[in-house]
Amino acid sequence: MKIDKVGGARRRRPESSRPVFKHPRYNGFTINNDVLLVRLASPAHFNMRIAPVCVAEAGDDFPGGTRCVTSGWGLTRHNGETSGTSRPIGGE
């Protein structure tokens, strides 16, 4: 299973996983709702490249000026190409 594309190199992690959970409204044509959860068979060991993420609850309200950061391999501009490497996106 590919779970790391740092620096353009595709790496495989040896941890086994259980079934994955795809977003119920994922659209492969538009890549809307492009998120997938993987349940590892054993706990992950956190390091510089592996860390937990916070997921907002439905109805969470963030006040103006809240710093938000995400990253991924998505489009780099409207109607553009997907990125070959994970890129951070920050905003307020």
C-alpha atoms as a PDB file:
ATOM      1  CA  MET A   1       0.000   0.000   0.000  1.00  0.00           C
ATOM      2  CA  LYS A   2       1.460   3.404  -0.976  1.00  0.00           C
ATOM      3  CA  ILE A   3       1.150   5.848   1.904  1.00  0.00           C
ATOM      4  CA  ASP A   4       4.157   8.128   1.435  1.00  0.00           C
ATOM      5  CA  LYS A   5       5.201  10.099  -1.633  1.00  0.00           C
ATOM      6  CA  VAL A   6       7.776  12.391   0.018  1.00  0.00           C
ATOM      7  CA  GLY A   7      10.138  13.992  -2.455  1.00  0.00           C
ATOM      8  CA  GLY A   8       8.459  12.255  -5.369  1.00  0.00           C
ATOM      9  CA  ALA A   9       9.668   8.816  -4.230  1.00  0.00           C
ATOM     10  CA  ARG A  10       6.947   6.248  -3.710  1.00  0.00           C
ATOM     11  CA  ARG A  11       7.589   4.237  -0.584  1.00  0.00           C
ATOM     12  CA  ARG A  12       5.779   1.263   0.853  1.00  0.00           C
ATOM     13  CA  ARG A  13       5.248   0.793   4.548  1.00  0.00           C
ATOM     14  CA  PRO A  14       5.384  -2.777   5.865  1.00  0.00           C
ATOM     15  CA  GLU A  15       2.507  -2.375   8.343  1.00  0.00           C
ATOM     16  CA  SER A  16      -0.499  -4.469   7.470  1.00  0.00           C
ATOM     17  CA  SER A  17      -3.874  -2.824   7.432  1.00  0.00           C
ATOM     18  CA  ARG A  18      -7.500  -3.734   7.814  1.00  0.00           C
ATOM     19  CA  PRO A  19     -10.265  -2.656   5.435  1.00  0.00           C
ATOM     20  CA  VAL A  20     -10.226   0.942   4.237  1.00  0.00           C
ATOM     21  CA  PHE A  21     -13.108   3.388   4.531  1.00  0.00           C
ATOM     22  CA  LYS A  22     -13.725   5.546   1.467  1.00  0.00           C
ATOM     23  CA  HIS A  23     -15.821   8.727   1.725  1.00  0.00           C
ATOM     24  CA  PRO A  24     -19.373   7.713   0.712  1.00  0.00           C
ATOM     25  CA  ARG A  25     -19.585  10.653  -1.732  1.00  0.00           C
ATOM     26  CA  TYR A  26     -16.126  10.252  -3.294  1.00  0.00           C
ATOM     27  CA  ASN A  27     -16.126  11.100  -7.007  1.00  0.00           C
ATOM     28  CA  GLY A  28     -13.156   9.719  -8.942  1.00  0.00           C
ATOM     29  CA  PHE A  29     -13.876  11.963 -11.931  1.00  0.00           C
ATOM     30  CA  THR A  30     -13.820  15.260 -10.011  1.00  0.00           C
ATOM     31  CA  ILE A  31     -11.823  13.913  -7.004  1.00  0.00           C
ATOM     32  CA  ASN A  32     -14.367  15.578  -4.720  1.00  0.00           C
ATOM     33  CA  ASN A  33     -14.377  14.123  -1.195  1.00  0.00           C
ATOM     34  CA  ASP A  34     -10.989  12.535  -1.893  1.00  0.00           C
ATOM     35  CA  VAL A  35     -10.318  11.105   1.563  1.00  0.00           C
ATOM     36  CA  LEU A  36      -9.737   7.567   2.747  1.00  0.00           C
ATOM     37  CA  LEU A  37      -9.242   6.107   6.218  1.00  0.00           C
ATOM     38  CA  VAL A  38      -7.065   3.065   6.811  1.00  0.00           C
ATOM     39  CA  ARG A  39      -7.230   1.026   9.997  1.00  0.00           C
ATOM     40  CA  LEU A  40      -3.775  -0.330  10.807  1.00  0.00           C
ATOM     41  CA  ALA A  41      -3.499  -3.836  12.219  1.00  0.00           C
ATOM     42  CA  SER A  42      -1.103  -2.495  14.869  1.00  0.00           C
ATOM     43  CA  PRO A  43      -0.413   0.989  16.275  1.00  0.00           C
ATOM     44  CA  ALA A  44       1.686   3.325  14.127  1.00  0.00           C
ATOM     45  CA  HIS A  45       4.988   4.593  15.467  1.00  0.00           C
ATOM     46  CA  PHE A  46       4.942   8.389  15.138  1.00  0.00           C
ATOM     47  CA  ASN A  47       8.001  10.171  13.786  1.00  0.00           C
ATOM     48  CA  MET A  48       8.857  13.129  11.520  1.00  0.00           C
ATOM     49  CA  ARG A  49       6.763  11.675   8.660  1.00  0.00           C
ATOM     50  CA  ILE A  50       3.981   9.890  10.531  1.00  0.00           C
ATOM     51  CA  ALA A  51       1.701  11.873  12.849  1.00  0.00           C
ATOM     52  CA  PRO A  52      -1.962  11.950  13.883  1.00  0.00           C
ATOM     53  CA  VAL A  53      -4.336  14.476  12.346  1.00  0.00           C
ATOM     54  CA  CYS A  54      -7.295  16.327  13.799  1.00  0.00           C
ATOM     55  CA  VAL A  55     -10.587  15.938  11.974  1.00  0.00           C
ATOM     56  CA  ALA A  56     -13.310  18.535  12.499  1.00  0.00           C
ATOM     57  CA  GLU A  57     -16.704  17.372  13.701  1.00  0.00           C
ATOM     58  CA  ALA A  58     -19.843  18.189  11.715  1.00  0.00           C
ATOM     59  CA  GLY A  59     -21.090  21.575  12.867  1.00  0.00           C
ATOM     60  CA  ASP A  60     -17.730  22.783  14.229  1.00  0.00           C
ATOM     61  CA  ASP A  61     -17.483  26.553  13.965  1.00  0.00           C
ATOM     62  CA  PHE A  62     -14.066  28.168  13.589  1.00  0.00           C
ATOM     63  CA  PRO A  63     -13.810  31.902  14.303  1.00  0.00           C
ATOM     64  CA  GLY A  64     -12.393  34.228  11.669  1.00  0.00           C
ATOM     65  CA  GLY A  65      -8.606  34.328  11.685  1.00  0.00           C
ATOM     66  CA  THR A  66      -8.246  30.681  12.689  1.00  0.00           C
ATOM     67  CA  ARG A  67      -5.134  29.276  11.009  1.00  0.00           C
ATOM     68  CA  CYS A  68      -5.906  26.152   8.978  1.00  0.00           C
ATOM     69  CA  VAL A  69      -3.374  23.931   7.229  1.00  0.00           C
ATOM     70  CA  THR A  70      -3.825  20.933   4.955  1.00  0.00           C
ATOM     71  CA  SER A  71      -1.664  19.046   2.491  1.00  0.00           C
ATOM     72  CA  GLY A  72      -2.090  16.572  -0.298  1.00  0.00           C
ATOM     73  CA  TRP A  73      -1.479  15.626  -3.887  1.00  0.00           C
ATOM     74  CA  GLY A  74      -4.455  17.525  -5.304  1.00  0.00           C
ATOM     75  CA  LEU A  75      -4.742  20.117  -8.027  1.00  0.00           C
ATOM     76  CA  THR A  76      -2.178  22.928  -7.857  1.00  0.00           C
ATOM     77  CA  ARG A  77      -4.551  25.426  -9.494  1.00  0.00           C
ATOM     78  CA  HIS A  78      -8.090  25.484 -10.896  1.00  0.00           C
ATOM     79  CA  ASN A  79      -8.317  22.967 -13.757  1.00  0.00           C
ATOM     80  CA  GLY A  80      -4.594  22.275 -13.299  1.00  0.00           C
ATOM     81  CA  GLU A  81      -2.592  19.093 -12.939  1.00  0.00           C
ATOM     82  CA  THR A  82      -2.255  17.079  -9.748  1.00  0.00           C
ATOM     83  CA  SER A  83       0.983  17.433  -7.829  1.00  0.00           C
ATOM     84  CA  GLY A  84       3.548  14.628  -7.908  1.00  0.00           C
ATOM     85  CA  THR A  85       4.543  15.421  -4.329  1.00  0.00           C
ATOM     86  CA  SER A  86       2.562  16.252  -1.219  1.00  0.00           C
ATOM     87  CA  ARG A  87       2.275  20.030  -0.891  1.00  0.00           C
ATOM     88  CA  PRO A  88       1.119  22.033   2.122  1.00  0.00           C
ATOM     89  CA  ILE A  89      -1.661  24.595   1.850  1.00  0.00           C
ATOM     90  CA  GLY A  90      -2.098  27.201   4.564  1.00  0.00           C
ATOM     91  CA  GLY A  91      -4.749  29.831   4.985  1.00  0.00           C
ATOM     92  CA  GLU A  92      -6.732  31.982   7.342  1.00  0.00           C
END
